[in-house]
Amino acid sequence: KLRVPAGLIRGVYKGVTAVLLASPIQGAAFFTAKELIKKAAPMYGLSAAQTFLAGIVIGDAVYWIVRCPAETIKTRVQTGIDANWLESLQSIVSTQGLRGLYGAYVPLLQLDFPFTAVNFALYSGLQAYVEAVNSAPPTISEQFAIGFMCSAFTAGITTPLSVATTRILMDSGGGAKAGAVQEEAEAQEKK
């Protein structure tokens, strides 16, 4: 019989409403920005690699304009700072204005850009290596394994940035309550 540790599943979707509301918009914004860059790149003489990189960077910047408020709200609801997404939105806007929703914008970009750059560089390098060794393009299962290894490695090396970003998200408009939650989290880390 499979036993699930107490509390493992409970609350896993807490705060997800804000993310669900933002996801279609952020996805559309990312791909629209990326495609606009792809169409504009020839006018600026960008190579295929430069076009790809510019599309990812600008697409990510646009993506996080939409996702940052949702991520801020989700984090505050998940950590118990606010009871639900609407309370979180009202609390942040009433204490910090709309700027409070974007307190983590730069840290999120600082996390996402290195993750994306390292991940794509590793993926491209390993894909080329596998192709050279096999004298054929990687199979779907090889691409999956390469993507898995690259993402796991990249997640591991960018974890400190992720922790810093989470702490910033928790403090967005939370004041003393957010500080108390953060202190409790730090105490749990030391155990």
N, C-alpha and C. Protein backbone atom coordinates (compact mmCIF):
# COMPACT_ATOMS: atom_id res chain seq x y z
N LYS A 1 0.85 -1.18 0.00
CA LYS A 1 0.00 0.00 0.00
C LYS A 1 0.89 1.25 0.00
N LEU A 2 0.60 2.15 -0.90
CA LEU A 2 1.36 3.38 -1.02
C LEU A 2 0.91 4.37 0.05
N ARG A 3 1.86 4.87 0.81
CA ARG A 3 1.54 5.86 1.84
C ARG A 3 2.11 7.21 1.43
N VAL A 4 1.26 8.20 1.42
CA VAL A 4 1.67 9.56 1.08
C VAL A 4 1.93 10.30 2.40
N PRO A 5 3.12 10.89 2.55
CA PRO A 5 3.42 11.64 3.78
C PRO A 5 2.38 12.73 4.02
N ALA A 6 2.03 12.90 5.29
CA ALA A 6 1.04 13.91 5.67
C ALA A 6 1.47 15.28 5.17
N GLY A 7 0.53 15.98 4.55
CA GLY A 7 0.79 17.34 4.09
C GLY A 7 1.46 17.45 2.73
N LEU A 8 1.83 16.31 2.13
CA LEU A 8 2.53 16.37 0.85
C LEU A 8 1.63 16.89 -0.26
N ILE A 9 0.39 16.47 -0.29
CA ILE A 9 -0.54 16.86 -1.34
C ILE A 9 -1.35 18.10 -0.97
N ARG A 10 -1.71 18.23 0.31
CA ARG A 10 -2.57 19.32 0.75
C ARG A 10 -1.98 20.69 0.40
N GLY A 11 -2.78 21.52 -0.22
CA GLY A 11 -2.37 22.89 -0.52
C GLY A 11 -1.47 23.04 -1.74
N VAL A 12 -1.26 21.95 -2.49
CA VAL A 12 -0.34 22.03 -3.61
C VAL A 12 -0.82 23.00 -4.69
N TYR A 13 -2.13 23.19 -4.80
CA TYR A 13 -2.67 24.13 -5.78
C TYR A 13 -3.10 25.46 -5.16
N LYS A 14 -2.75 25.67 -3.92
CA LYS A 14 -3.10 26.91 -3.25
C LYS A 14 -2.42 28.08 -3.96
N GLY A 15 -3.20 29.09 -4.31
CA GLY A 15 -2.64 30.27 -4.97
C GLY A 15 -2.50 30.16 -6.47
N VAL A 16 -2.93 29.03 -7.04
CA VAL A 16 -2.73 28.80 -8.46
C VAL A 16 -3.69 29.61 -9.34
N THR A 17 -4.77 30.13 -8.78
CA THR A 17 -5.75 30.88 -9.56
C THR A 17 -5.10 32.04 -10.32
N ALA A 18 -4.26 32.80 -9.65
CA ALA A 18 -3.59 33.93 -10.30
C ALA A 18 -2.74 33.47 -11.48
N VAL A 19 -2.05 32.35 -11.30
CA VAL A 19 -1.20 31.81 -12.37
C VAL A 19 -2.06 31.33 -13.53
N LEU A 20 -3.18 30.66 -13.23
CA LEU A 20 -4.07 30.18 -14.29
C LEU A 20 -4.66 31.35 -15.09
N LEU A 21 -4.98 32.43 -14.40
CA LEU A 21 -5.51 33.61 -15.10
C LEU A 21 -4.45 34.26 -15.99
N ALA A 22 -3.21 34.25 -15.54
CA ALA A 22 -2.13 34.91 -16.29
C ALA A 22 -1.53 34.04 -17.39
N SER A 23 -1.56 32.73 -17.23
CA SER A 23 -0.84 31.82 -18.14
C SER A 23 -1.17 32.00 -19.62
N PRO A 24 -2.45 32.04 -20.02
CA PRO A 24 -2.71 32.21 -21.46
C PRO A 24 -2.17 33.54 -22.00
N ILE A 25 -2.26 34.58 -21.19
CA ILE A 25 -1.79 35.91 -21.62
C ILE A 25 -0.27 35.92 -21.71
N GLN A 26 0.41 35.36 -20.70
CA GLN A 26 1.87 35.37 -20.71
C GLN A 26 2.41 34.51 -21.84
N GLY A 27 1.77 33.37 -22.12
CA GLY A 27 2.21 32.54 -23.23
C GLY A 27 2.05 33.25 -24.56
N ALA A 28 0.90 33.87 -24.74
CA ALA A 28 0.65 34.62 -25.97
C ALA A 28 1.64 35.77 -26.12
N ALA A 29 1.91 36.48 -25.02
CA ALA A 29 2.86 37.60 -25.06
C ALA A 29 4.26 37.12 -25.43
N PHE A 30 4.69 35.99 -24.82
CA PHE A 30 6.03 35.45 -25.11
C PHE A 30 6.17 35.12 -26.59
N PHE A 31 5.23 34.32 -27.12
CA PHE A 31 5.35 33.87 -28.50
C PHE A 31 5.16 35.01 -29.50
N THR A 32 4.32 35.98 -29.17
CA THR A 32 4.15 37.13 -30.05
C THR A 32 5.44 37.94 -30.12
N ALA A 33 6.05 38.20 -28.96
CA ALA A 33 7.31 38.95 -28.93
C ALA A 33 8.39 38.20 -29.69
N LYS A 34 8.49 36.89 -29.45
CA LYS A 34 9.50 36.06 -30.11
C LYS A 34 9.31 36.09 -31.64
N GLU A 35 8.08 35.98 -32.10
CA GLU A 35 7.82 36.00 -33.55
C GLU A 35 8.08 37.38 -34.15
N LEU A 36 7.77 38.44 -33.42
CA LEU A 36 8.07 39.79 -33.91
C LEU A 36 9.57 39.99 -34.08
N ILE A 37 10.34 39.47 -33.13
CA ILE A 37 11.80 39.57 -33.23
C ILE A 37 12.28 38.78 -34.44
N LYS A 38 11.73 37.59 -34.63
CA LYS A 38 12.12 36.75 -35.76
C LYS A 38 11.86 37.46 -37.09
N LYS A 39 10.74 38.18 -37.18
CA LYS A 39 10.41 38.89 -38.41
C LYS A 39 11.27 40.15 -38.59
N ALA A 40 11.63 40.80 -37.49
CA ALA A 40 12.41 42.04 -37.57
C ALA A 40 13.90 41.80 -37.71
N ALA A 41 14.38 40.63 -37.32
CA ALA A 41 15.81 40.34 -37.29
C ALA A 41 16.53 40.57 -38.62
N PRO A 42 15.95 40.18 -39.77
CA PRO A 42 16.66 40.39 -41.03
C PRO A 42 16.97 41.86 -41.31
N MET A 43 16.10 42.76 -40.84
CA MET A 43 16.35 44.20 -41.06
C MET A 43 17.60 44.67 -40.33
N TYR A 44 17.98 43.96 -39.27
CA TYR A 44 19.14 44.35 -38.46
C TYR A 44 20.35 43.45 -38.73
N GLY A 45 20.22 42.54 -39.68
CA GLY A 45 21.34 41.69 -40.05
C GLY A 45 21.74 40.67 -38.99
N LEU A 46 20.80 40.23 -38.18
CA LEU A 46 21.11 39.26 -37.13
C LEU A 46 21.23 37.86 -37.70
N SER A 47 22.19 37.10 -37.18
CA SER A 47 22.35 35.71 -37.59
C SER A 47 21.20 34.89 -36.98
N ALA A 48 21.10 33.64 -37.37
CA ALA A 48 20.05 32.76 -36.83
C ALA A 48 20.21 32.61 -35.32
N ALA A 49 21.44 32.45 -34.85
CA ALA A 49 21.69 32.29 -33.41
C ALA A 49 21.35 33.58 -32.66
N GLN A 50 21.74 34.73 -33.21
CA GLN A 50 21.42 36.01 -32.58
C GLN A 50 19.91 36.24 -32.56
N THR A 51 19.24 35.87 -33.62
CA THR A 51 17.78 36.02 -33.69
C THR A 51 17.11 35.15 -32.64
N PHE A 52 17.58 33.91 -32.53
CA PHE A 52 17.02 32.98 -31.54
C PHE A 52 17.22 33.54 -30.13
N LEU A 53 18.45 33.97 -29.83
CA LEU A 53 18.75 34.50 -28.50
C LEU A 53 17.96 35.77 -28.20
N ALA A 54 17.88 36.68 -29.16
CA ALA A 54 17.11 37.92 -28.97
C ALA A 54 15.64 37.60 -28.74
N GLY A 55 15.11 36.65 -29.48
CA GLY A 55 13.71 36.25 -29.30
C GLY A 55 13.44 35.71 -27.92
N ILE A 56 14.36 34.88 -27.42
CA ILE A 56 14.20 34.31 -26.07
C ILE A 56 14.30 35.42 -25.01
N VAL A 57 15.30 36.28 -25.12
CA VAL A 57 15.51 37.33 -24.12
C VAL A 57 14.33 38.31 -24.09
N ILE A 58 13.93 38.80 -25.24
CA ILE A 58 12.82 39.76 -25.29
C ILE A 58 11.50 39.07 -24.96
N GLY A 59 11.33 37.85 -25.45
CA GLY A 59 10.13 37.08 -25.11
C GLY A 59 10.01 36.86 -23.61
N ASP A 60 11.13 36.50 -22.96
CA ASP A 60 11.13 36.30 -21.51
C ASP A 60 10.80 37.60 -20.77
N ALA A 61 11.38 38.70 -21.22
CA ALA A 61 11.12 39.99 -20.57
C ALA A 61 9.63 40.33 -20.63
N VAL A 62 9.02 40.09 -21.78
CA VAL A 62 7.59 40.36 -21.94
C VAL A 62 6.77 39.36 -21.11
N TYR A 63 7.17 38.11 -21.15
CA TYR A 63 6.51 37.04 -20.38
C TYR A 63 6.41 37.41 -18.90
N TRP A 64 7.53 37.86 -18.32
CA TRP A 64 7.56 38.17 -16.89
C TRP A 64 6.79 39.44 -16.54
N ILE A 65 6.54 40.31 -17.51
CA ILE A 65 5.68 41.47 -17.23
C ILE A 65 4.30 40.99 -16.83
N VAL A 66 3.83 39.92 -17.46
CA VAL A 66 2.52 39.35 -17.14
C VAL A 66 2.63 38.40 -15.95
N ARG A 67 3.66 37.57 -15.92
CA ARG A 67 3.77 36.50 -14.92
C ARG A 67 4.17 37.01 -13.54
N CYS A 68 4.96 38.07 -13.45
CA CYS A 68 5.46 38.55 -12.16
C CYS A 68 4.35 38.82 -11.15
N PRO A 69 3.31 39.58 -11.49
CA PRO A 69 2.24 39.78 -10.50
C PRO A 69 1.59 38.45 -10.07
N ALA A 70 1.37 37.56 -11.02
CA ALA A 70 0.76 36.26 -10.70
C ALA A 70 1.67 35.45 -9.78
N GLU A 71 2.96 35.47 -10.04
CA GLU A 71 3.93 34.73 -9.23
C GLU A 71 4.01 35.33 -7.82
N THR A 72 3.97 36.66 -7.73
CA THR A 72 3.99 37.32 -6.43
C THR A 72 2.77 36.92 -5.61
N ILE A 73 1.62 36.98 -6.23
CA ILE A 73 0.37 36.62 -5.54
C ILE A 73 0.37 35.15 -5.15
N LYS A 74 0.75 34.27 -6.06
CA LYS A 74 0.77 32.83 -5.79
C LYS A 74 1.68 32.52 -4.60
N THR A 75 2.86 33.10 -4.58
CA THR A 75 3.81 32.84 -3.51
C THR A 75 3.26 33.29 -2.16
N ARG A 76 2.62 34.45 -2.15
CA ARG A 76 2.06 34.97 -0.89
C ARG A 76 0.91 34.10 -0.38
N VAL A 77 0.09 33.58 -1.28
CA VAL A 77 -1.02 32.71 -0.87
C VAL A 77 -0.46 31.36 -0.41
N GLN A 78 0.51 30.80 -1.14
CA GLN A 78 1.07 29.51 -0.78
C GLN A 78 1.79 29.54 0.56
N THR A 79 2.40 30.66 0.90
CA THR A 79 3.14 30.75 2.15
C THR A 79 2.28 31.24 3.31
N GLY A 80 1.00 31.49 3.06
CA GLY A 80 0.09 31.87 4.14
C GLY A 80 0.09 33.35 4.47
N ILE A 81 0.75 34.17 3.70
CA ILE A 81 0.75 35.61 3.95
C ILE A 81 -0.66 36.15 3.71
N ASP A 82 -1.31 35.65 2.65
CA ASP A 82 -2.69 36.05 2.34
C ASP A 82 -3.52 34.79 2.15
N ALA A 83 -4.83 34.91 2.36
CA ALA A 83 -5.72 33.74 2.29
C ALA A 83 -6.05 33.33 0.85
N ASN A 84 -6.15 34.28 -0.07
CA ASN A 84 -6.50 33.96 -1.45
C ASN A 84 -5.93 35.02 -2.38
N TRP A 85 -6.09 34.79 -3.69
CA TRP A 85 -5.45 35.67 -4.66
C TRP A 85 -6.02 37.08 -4.62
N LEU A 86 -7.31 37.22 -4.37
CA LEU A 86 -7.92 38.55 -4.35
C LEU A 86 -7.45 39.35 -3.13
N GLU A 87 -7.38 38.68 -1.97
CA GLU A 87 -6.87 39.34 -0.77
C GLU A 87 -5.41 39.76 -0.98
N SER A 88 -4.64 38.91 -1.62
CA SER A 88 -3.24 39.22 -1.88
C SER A 88 -3.11 40.43 -2.79
N LEU A 89 -3.87 40.44 -3.87
CA LEU A 89 -3.85 41.56 -4.80
C LEU A 89 -4.22 42.86 -4.10
N GLN A 90 -5.30 42.83 -3.32
CA GLN A 90 -5.74 44.04 -2.60
C GLN A 90 -4.70 44.50 -1.59
N SER A 91 -4.10 43.55 -0.87
CA SER A 91 -3.09 43.89 0.13
C SER A 91 -1.87 44.55 -0.50
N ILE A 92 -1.39 43.97 -1.59
CA ILE A 92 -0.20 44.52 -2.25
C ILE A 92 -0.49 45.90 -2.82
N VAL A 93 -1.59 46.04 -3.54
CA VAL A 93 -1.91 47.32 -4.19
C VAL A 93 -2.19 48.39 -3.14
N SER A 94 -2.85 48.04 -2.03
CA SER A 94 -3.16 49.05 -1.01
C SER A 94 -1.92 49.51 -0.24
N THR A 95 -0.91 48.63 -0.10
CA THR A 95 0.28 49.02 0.65
C THR A 95 1.41 49.55 -0.22
N GLN A 96 1.51 49.05 -1.48
CA GLN A 96 2.63 49.45 -2.33
C GLN A 96 2.23 49.96 -3.70
N GLY A 97 0.96 49.91 -4.00
CA GLY A 97 0.53 50.29 -5.34
C GLY A 97 0.87 49.19 -6.33
N LEU A 98 0.69 49.48 -7.60
CA LEU A 98 0.98 48.49 -8.63
C LEU A 98 2.44 48.07 -8.66
N ARG A 99 3.33 48.95 -8.21
CA ARG A 99 4.77 48.62 -8.17
C ARG A 99 5.04 47.41 -7.29
N GLY A 100 4.21 47.21 -6.27
CA GLY A 100 4.39 46.07 -5.39
C GLY A 100 4.24 44.74 -6.10
N LEU A 101 3.46 44.73 -7.17
CA LEU A 101 3.28 43.49 -7.94
C LEU A 101 4.52 43.15 -8.77
N TYR A 102 5.39 44.14 -8.96
CA TYR A 102 6.58 43.94 -9.80
C TYR A 102 7.88 44.00 -9.01
N GLY A 103 7.81 43.87 -7.69
CA GLY A 103 9.01 43.92 -6.86
C GLY A 103 10.03 42.84 -7.22
N ALA A 104 9.56 41.73 -7.74
CA ALA A 104 10.45 40.61 -8.07
C ALA A 104 10.73 40.52 -9.57
N TYR A 105 10.32 41.51 -10.35
CA TYR A 105 10.51 41.43 -11.81
C TYR A 105 11.98 41.23 -12.18
N VAL A 106 12.84 42.08 -11.69
CA VAL A 106 14.26 41.97 -12.03
C VAL A 106 14.86 40.67 -11.46
N PRO A 107 14.60 40.32 -10.19
CA PRO A 107 15.12 39.03 -9.71
C PRO A 107 14.61 37.84 -10.51
N LEU A 108 13.36 37.87 -10.95
CA LEU A 108 12.84 36.78 -11.77
C LEU A 108 13.58 36.70 -13.11
N LEU A 109 13.86 37.85 -13.71
CA LEU A 109 14.64 37.86 -14.94
C LEU A 109 16.07 37.38 -14.67
N GLN A 110 16.62 37.81 -13.53
CA GLN A 110 17.98 37.39 -13.19
C GLN A 110 18.06 35.89 -12.95
N LEU A 111 16.96 35.28 -12.56
CA LEU A 111 16.91 33.83 -12.40
C LEU A 111 16.67 33.18 -13.76
N ASP A 112 15.73 33.71 -14.50
CA ASP A 112 15.30 33.07 -15.75
C ASP A 112 16.34 33.16 -16.85
N PHE A 113 17.00 34.30 -17.01
CA PHE A 113 17.98 34.44 -18.08
C PHE A 113 19.15 33.47 -17.92
N PRO A 114 19.78 33.39 -16.73
CA PRO A 114 20.87 32.41 -16.60
C PRO A 114 20.39 30.97 -16.79
N PHE A 115 19.20 30.67 -16.24
CA PHE A 115 18.66 29.32 -16.40
C PHE A 115 18.50 29.00 -17.88
N THR A 116 17.86 29.90 -18.60
CA THR A 116 17.61 29.67 -20.02
C THR A 116 18.91 29.59 -20.81
N ALA A 117 19.84 30.50 -20.55
CA ALA A 117 21.11 30.51 -21.28
C ALA A 117 21.91 29.24 -21.03
N VAL A 118 22.06 28.85 -19.76
CA VAL A 118 22.82 27.64 -19.43
C VAL A 118 22.11 26.41 -20.00
N ASN A 119 20.81 26.36 -19.83
CA ASN A 119 20.03 25.21 -20.30
C ASN A 119 20.16 25.03 -21.82
N PHE A 120 19.97 26.13 -22.58
CA PHE A 120 20.05 26.03 -24.03
C PHE A 120 21.47 25.74 -24.49
N ALA A 121 22.47 26.33 -23.83
CA ALA A 121 23.87 26.08 -24.22
C ALA A 121 24.23 24.61 -23.96
N LEU A 122 23.88 24.10 -22.79
CA LEU A 122 24.14 22.69 -22.49
C LEU A 122 23.40 21.77 -23.46
N TYR A 123 22.14 22.08 -23.68
CA TYR A 123 21.32 21.25 -24.56
C TYR A 123 21.92 21.21 -25.97
N SER A 124 22.27 22.38 -26.49
CA SER A 124 22.84 22.44 -27.84
C SER A 124 24.16 21.69 -27.91
N GLY A 125 25.00 21.87 -26.88
CA GLY A 125 26.30 21.19 -26.84
C GLY A 125 26.15 19.68 -26.76
N LEU A 126 25.30 19.20 -25.88
CA LEU A 126 25.10 17.75 -25.75
C LEU A 126 24.43 17.16 -26.98
N GLN A 127 23.51 17.91 -27.56
CA GLN A 127 22.84 17.44 -28.78
C GLN A 127 23.87 17.28 -29.91
N ALA A 128 24.77 18.25 -30.05
CA ALA A 128 25.82 18.17 -31.07
C ALA A 128 26.77 17.01 -30.77
N TYR A 129 27.09 16.79 -29.50
CA TYR A 129 27.98 15.69 -29.12
C TYR A 129 27.36 14.34 -29.47
N VAL A 130 26.08 14.16 -29.10
CA VAL A 130 25.39 12.90 -29.39
C VAL A 130 25.31 12.68 -30.90
N GLU A 131 25.06 13.75 -31.64
CA GLU A 131 24.99 13.64 -33.10
C GLU A 131 26.35 13.24 -33.67
N ALA A 132 27.44 13.80 -33.14
CA ALA A 132 28.78 13.47 -33.62
C ALA A 132 29.13 12.02 -33.29
N VAL A 133 28.80 11.57 -32.10
CA VAL A 133 29.10 10.20 -31.68
C VAL A 133 28.29 9.18 -32.49
N ASN A 134 27.02 9.47 -32.70
CA ASN A 134 26.13 8.53 -33.38
C ASN A 134 26.11 8.70 -34.90
N SER A 135 26.73 9.75 -35.41
CA SER A 135 26.68 10.10 -36.84
C SER A 135 25.24 10.22 -37.34
N ALA A 136 24.37 10.66 -36.44
CA ALA A 136 22.95 10.86 -36.77
C ALA A 136 22.35 11.79 -35.73
N PRO A 137 21.31 12.53 -36.10
CA PRO A 137 20.65 13.39 -35.10
C PRO A 137 20.12 12.56 -33.93
N PRO A 138 20.07 13.14 -32.74
CA PRO A 138 19.56 12.41 -31.58
C PRO A 138 18.10 11.97 -31.80
N THR A 139 17.78 10.81 -31.27
CA THR A 139 16.41 10.32 -31.32
C THR A 139 15.57 11.10 -30.32
N ILE A 140 14.28 10.90 -30.37
CA ILE A 140 13.38 11.58 -29.42
C ILE A 140 13.75 11.21 -27.99
N SER A 141 14.02 9.93 -27.73
CA SER A 141 14.37 9.51 -26.36
C SER A 141 15.71 10.12 -25.94
N GLU A 142 16.66 10.25 -26.87
CA GLU A 142 17.93 10.89 -26.54
C GLU A 142 17.72 12.38 -26.26
N GLN A 143 16.87 13.03 -27.05
CA GLN A 143 16.57 14.44 -26.80
C GLN A 143 15.91 14.62 -25.44
N PHE A 144 15.02 13.71 -25.09
CA PHE A 144 14.37 13.77 -23.77
C PHE A 144 15.43 13.64 -22.68
N ALA A 145 16.33 12.65 -22.81
CA ALA A 145 17.37 12.45 -21.80
C ALA A 145 18.30 13.66 -21.70
N ILE A 146 18.66 14.23 -22.84
CA ILE A 146 19.52 15.42 -22.85
C ILE A 146 18.80 16.58 -22.15
N GLY A 147 17.53 16.81 -22.51
CA GLY A 147 16.76 17.88 -21.88
C GLY A 147 16.62 17.67 -20.39
N PHE A 148 16.39 16.43 -19.98
CA PHE A 148 16.25 16.11 -18.55
C PHE A 148 17.54 16.43 -17.80
N MET A 149 18.66 15.94 -18.33
CA MET A 149 19.95 16.17 -17.65
C MET A 149 20.30 17.66 -17.60
N CYS A 150 20.09 18.36 -18.71
CA CYS A 150 20.43 19.79 -18.75
C CYS A 150 19.56 20.59 -17.78
N SER A 151 18.27 20.31 -17.77
CA SER A 151 17.37 21.04 -16.88
C SER A 151 17.65 20.74 -15.42
N ALA A 152 17.95 19.48 -15.10
CA ALA A 152 18.27 19.11 -13.72
C ALA A 152 19.54 19.82 -13.26
N PHE A 153 20.57 19.81 -14.09
CA PHE A 153 21.82 20.48 -13.76
C PHE A 153 21.61 21.98 -13.59
N THR A 154 20.91 22.59 -14.54
CA THR A 154 20.67 24.03 -14.51
C THR A 154 19.84 24.42 -13.29
N ALA A 155 18.82 23.63 -12.98
CA ALA A 155 18.02 23.91 -11.79
C ALA A 155 18.89 23.86 -10.54
N GLY A 156 19.80 22.91 -10.49
CA GLY A 156 20.69 22.80 -9.33
C GLY A 156 21.59 24.00 -9.15
N ILE A 157 22.16 24.50 -10.24
CA ILE A 157 23.09 25.62 -10.10
C ILE A 157 22.38 26.97 -9.95
N THR A 158 21.11 27.03 -10.33
CA THR A 158 20.38 28.31 -10.19
C THR A 158 19.49 28.33 -8.95
N THR A 159 19.54 27.29 -8.12
CA THR A 159 18.71 27.24 -6.91
C THR A 159 18.94 28.43 -5.98
N PRO A 160 20.18 28.88 -5.75
CA PRO A 160 20.35 30.07 -4.89
C PRO A 160 19.59 31.29 -5.41
N LEU A 161 19.55 31.47 -6.73
CA LEU A 161 18.79 32.57 -7.30
C LEU A 161 17.29 32.36 -7.06
N SER A 162 16.85 31.12 -7.14
CA SER A 162 15.45 30.80 -6.91
C SER A 162 15.04 31.10 -5.47
N VAL A 163 15.91 30.76 -4.52
CA VAL A 163 15.63 31.03 -3.11
C VAL A 163 15.54 32.54 -2.87
N ALA A 164 16.47 33.29 -3.44
CA ALA A 164 16.44 34.74 -3.28
C ALA A 164 15.17 35.33 -3.89
N THR A 165 14.78 34.83 -5.04
CA THR A 165 13.56 35.32 -5.70
C THR A 165 12.33 35.03 -4.86
N THR A 166 12.26 33.83 -4.29
CA THR A 166 11.12 33.47 -3.44
C THR A 166 11.05 34.40 -2.23
N ARG A 167 12.17 34.71 -1.64
CA ARG A 167 12.18 35.61 -0.48
C ARG A 167 11.70 37.01 -0.87
N ILE A 168 12.07 37.46 -2.05
CA ILE A 168 11.62 38.77 -2.52
C ILE A 168 10.12 38.74 -2.78
N LEU A 169 9.65 37.65 -3.41
CA LEU A 169 8.21 37.50 -3.68
C LEU A 169 7.42 37.50 -2.38
N MET A 170 7.93 36.83 -1.35
CA MET A 170 7.23 36.76 -0.06
C MET A 170 7.13 38.12 0.60
N ASP A 171 8.09 38.97 0.34
CA ASP A 171 8.10 40.27 1.00
C ASP A 171 7.32 41.33 0.24
N SER A 172 6.81 41.03 -0.93
CA SER A 172 6.08 42.02 -1.73
C SER A 172 4.81 42.45 -1.04
N GLY A 173 4.89 43.56 -0.33
CA GLY A 173 3.72 44.12 0.33
C GLY A 173 3.32 43.39 1.59
N GLY A 174 4.13 42.44 2.06
CA GLY A 174 3.73 41.64 3.20
C GLY A 174 4.10 42.21 4.55
N GLY A 175 5.05 43.10 4.58
CA GLY A 175 5.44 43.72 5.84
C GLY A 175 5.85 42.71 6.89
N ALA A 176 5.41 42.90 8.12
CA ALA A 176 5.81 42.07 9.25
C ALA A 176 5.36 40.62 9.08
N LYS A 177 4.17 40.42 8.53
CA LYS A 177 3.67 39.07 8.36
C LYS A 177 4.58 38.27 7.43
N ALA A 178 5.03 38.88 6.34
CA ALA A 178 5.94 38.20 5.41
C ALA A 178 7.27 37.93 6.10
N GLY A 179 7.75 38.88 6.89
CA GLY A 179 9.00 38.69 7.62
C GLY A 179 8.92 37.52 8.58
N ALA A 180 7.78 37.37 9.26
CA ALA A 180 7.60 36.25 10.18
C ALA A 180 7.60 34.92 9.44
N VAL A 181 6.95 34.87 8.30
CA VAL A 181 6.92 33.64 7.50
C VAL A 181 8.33 33.32 7.03
N GLN A 182 9.06 34.34 6.60
CA GLN A 182 10.43 34.13 6.13
C GLN A 182 11.31 33.64 7.27
N GLU A 183 11.20 34.23 8.46
CA GLU A 183 12.00 33.78 9.60
C GLU A 183 11.71 32.33 9.94
N GLU A 184 10.43 31.96 9.87
CA GLU A 184 10.05 30.56 10.14
C GLU A 184 10.66 29.63 9.10
N ALA A 185 10.65 30.04 7.83
CA ALA A 185 11.24 29.23 6.75
C ALA A 185 12.74 29.08 6.96
N GLU A 186 13.42 30.15 7.35
CA GLU A 186 14.85 30.08 7.60
C GLU A 186 15.17 29.18 8.78
N ALA A 187 14.33 29.22 9.81
CA ALA A 187 14.53 28.35 10.97
C ALA A 187 14.39 26.88 10.57
N GLN A 188 13.42 26.59 9.68
CA GLN A 188 13.22 25.22 9.20
C GLN A 188 14.42 24.77 8.36
N GLU A 189 15.04 25.68 7.60
CA GLU A 189 16.20 25.34 6.77
C GLU A 189 17.36 24.91 7.65
N LYS A 190 17.53 25.52 8.83
CA LYS A 190 18.64 25.23 9.73
C LYS A 190 18.51 23.87 10.40
N LYS A 191 17.28 23.35 10.49
CA LYS A 191 17.05 22.06 11.16
C LYS A 191 17.58 20.90 10.37
